C-alpha atoms as a PDB file:
ATOM      1  CA  MET A   1       0.000   0.000   0.000  1.00  0.00           C
ATOM      2  CA  GLY A   2       1.359   3.362  -0.978  1.00  0.00           C
ATOM      3  CA  ASP A   3      -0.613   5.026   1.787  1.00  0.00           C
ATOM      4  CA  THR A   4       1.513   3.308   4.414  1.00  0.00           C
ATOM      5  CA  GLY A   5       4.676   4.907   3.028  1.00  0.00           C
ATOM      6  CA  ILE A   6       3.070   8.340   3.009  1.00  0.00           C
ATOM      7  CA  LEU A   7       1.871   7.856   6.579  1.00  0.00           C
ATOM      8  CA  GLY A   8       5.364   6.759   7.615  1.00  0.00           C
ATOM      9  CA  TYR A   9       6.808   9.935   6.122  1.00  0.00           C
ATOM     10  CA  PHE A  10       4.364  12.164   8.016  1.00  0.00           C
ATOM     11  CA  VAL A  11       4.924  10.319  11.295  1.00  0.00           C
ATOM     12  CA  ALA A  12       8.711  10.528  10.910  1.00  0.00           C
ATOM     13  CA  ARG A  13       8.556  14.229  10.034  1.00  0.00           C
ATOM     14  CA  GLU A  14       6.322  15.139  12.969  1.00  0.00           C
ATOM     15  CA  THR A  15       8.236  13.049  15.504  1.00  0.00           C
ATOM     16  CA  HIS A  16      11.450  14.672  14.300  1.00  0.00           C
ATOM     17  CA  LYS A  17       9.900  18.090  15.023  1.00  0.00           C
ATOM     18  CA  VAL A  18       9.394  17.146  18.676  1.00  0.00           C
ATOM     19  CA  LYS A  19      13.023  15.979  18.853  1.00  0.00           C
ATOM     20  CA  ALA A  20      12.415  12.251  19.150  1.00  0.00           C
ATOM     21  CA  THR A  21      15.387   9.929  18.990  1.00  0.00           C
ATOM     22  CA  LEU A  22      15.918   7.746  15.942  1.00  0.00           C
ATOM     23  CA  ILE A  23      14.693   4.635  17.756  1.00  0.00           C
ATOM     24  CA  GLN A  24      11.551   6.449  18.953  1.00  0.00           C
ATOM     25  CA  SER A  25      10.833   7.697  15.430  1.00  0.00           C
ATOM     26  CA  VAL A  26      11.276   4.240  13.918  1.00  0.00           C
ATOM     27  CA  MET A  27       9.019   2.693  16.549  1.00  0.00           C
ATOM     28  CA  CYS A  28       6.353   5.337  15.944  1.00  0.00           C
ATOM     29  CA  VAL A  29       6.510   4.713  12.192  1.00  0.00           C
ATOM     30  CA  LEU A  30       6.105   0.969  12.774  1.00  0.00           C
ATOM     31  CA  VAL A  31       3.219   1.392  15.205  1.00  0.00           C
ATOM     32  CA  GLY A  32       1.539   3.950  12.938  1.00  0.00           C
ATOM     33  CA  SER A  33       1.873   1.601   9.961  1.00  0.00           C
ATOM     34  CA  ILE A  34       0.365  -1.272  11.943  1.00  0.00           C
ATOM     35  CA  LEU A  35      -2.530   0.942  13.026  1.00  0.00           C
ATOM     36  CA  HIS A  36      -3.104   2.068   9.444  1.00  0.00           C
ATOM     37  CA  LEU A  37      -3.027  -1.488   8.110  1.00  0.00           C
ATOM     38  CA  GLY A  38      -5.452  -2.543  10.831  1.00  0.00           C
ATOM     39  CA  VAL A  39      -7.890   0.199   9.864  1.00  0.00           C
ATOM     40  CA  ALA A  40      -7.470  -0.602   6.160  1.00  0.00           C
ATOM     41  CA  PHE A  41      -8.103  -4.299   6.839  1.00  0.00           C
ATOM     42  CA  ALA A  42     -11.132  -3.574   9.028  1.00  0.00           C
ATOM     43  CA  PHE A  43     -12.667  -1.326   6.362  1.00  0.00           C
ATOM     44  CA  ARG A  44     -11.316  -3.149   3.316  1.00  0.00           C
ATOM     45  CA  GLN A  45     -14.538  -2.928   1.327  1.00  0.00           C
ATOM     46  CA  THR A  46     -14.693   0.832   1.805  1.00  0.00           C
ATOM     47  CA  CYS A  47     -10.971   1.256   1.088  1.00  0.00           C
ATOM     48  CA  GLY A  48     -11.103  -1.055  -1.924  1.00  0.00           C
ATOM     49  CA  SER A  49     -14.021   0.659  -3.596  1.00  0.00           C
ATOM     50  CA  ARG A  50     -13.861   3.952  -5.400  1.00  0.00           C
ATOM     51  CA  LEU A  51     -14.121   6.701  -2.843  1.00  0.00           C
ATOM     52  CA  SER A  52     -16.642   9.452  -3.350  1.00  0.00           C
ATOM     53  CA  LEU A  53     -15.708  13.028  -2.576  1.00  0.00           C
ATOM     54  CA  GLY A  54     -17.171  12.784   0.930  1.00  0.00           C
ATOM     55  CA  LEU A  55     -15.155   9.674   1.785  1.00  0.00           C
ATOM     56  CA  TYR A  56     -11.814  11.254   0.861  1.00  0.00           C
ATOM     57  CA  ALA A  57     -11.900  12.999   4.241  1.00  0.00           C
ATOM     58  CA  VAL A  58     -11.895   9.666   6.095  1.00  0.00           C
ATOM     59  CA  PRO A  59      -8.306   8.626   5.183  1.00  0.00           C
ATOM     60  CA  MET A  60      -7.057  12.152   5.834  1.00  0.00           C
ATOM     61  CA  LEU A  61      -8.711  12.124   9.254  1.00  0.00           C
ATOM     62  CA  GLU A  62      -7.183   8.706   9.929  1.00  0.00           C
ATOM     63  CA  PHE A  63      -3.712   9.980   8.975  1.00  0.00           C
ATOM     64  CA  PHE A  64      -4.126  13.039  11.194  1.00  0.00           C
ATOM     65  CA  VAL A  65      -5.280  10.991  14.191  1.00  0.00           C
ATOM     66  CA  ILE A  66      -2.456   8.453  13.844  1.00  0.00           C
ATOM     67  CA  VAL A  67       0.214  11.159  13.458  1.00  0.00           C
ATOM     68  CA  GLN A  68      -1.072  13.099  16.460  1.00  0.00           C
ATOM     69  CA  LEU A  69      -1.287   9.896  18.514  1.00  0.00           C
ATOM     70  CA  MET A  70       2.358   9.120  17.753  1.00  0.00           C
ATOM     71  CA  VAL A  71       3.445  12.679  18.627  1.00  0.00           C
ATOM     72  CA  GLN A  72       1.557  12.490  21.919  1.00  0.00           C
ATOM     73  CA  ALA A  73       3.207   9.140  22.662  1.00  0.00           C
ATOM     74  CA  ILE A  74       6.652  10.710  22.148  1.00  0.00           C
ATOM     75  CA  LEU A  75       5.773  13.633  24.410  1.00  0.00           C
ATOM     76  CA  TYR A  76       4.420  11.257  27.048  1.00  0.00           C
ATOM     77  CA  PHE A  77       7.541   9.101  27.103  1.00  0.00           C
ATOM     78  CA  ARG A  78       9.809  12.158  27.033  1.00  0.00           C
ATOM     79  CA  ALA A  79       8.113  13.562  30.174  1.00  0.00           C
ATOM     80  CA  GLU A  80       9.158  10.554  32.235  1.00  0.00           C
END
């Protein structure tokens, strides 16, 4: 899936902005990719069909939520 690579790029870029270590960034990319693949598998009929204009917001919202979740995870582990 090409979407997984794009998501990995956004997660790596945002975790780099909050000064995560290389290991933390790699782990966030892996976890984000697993989350994305889980969502894609759970909604495979929706993802496999042609998306209407209204459904294009769903993957973008998913990307945003996963990226923000990974950034919050970095900030949480950095606080300890």
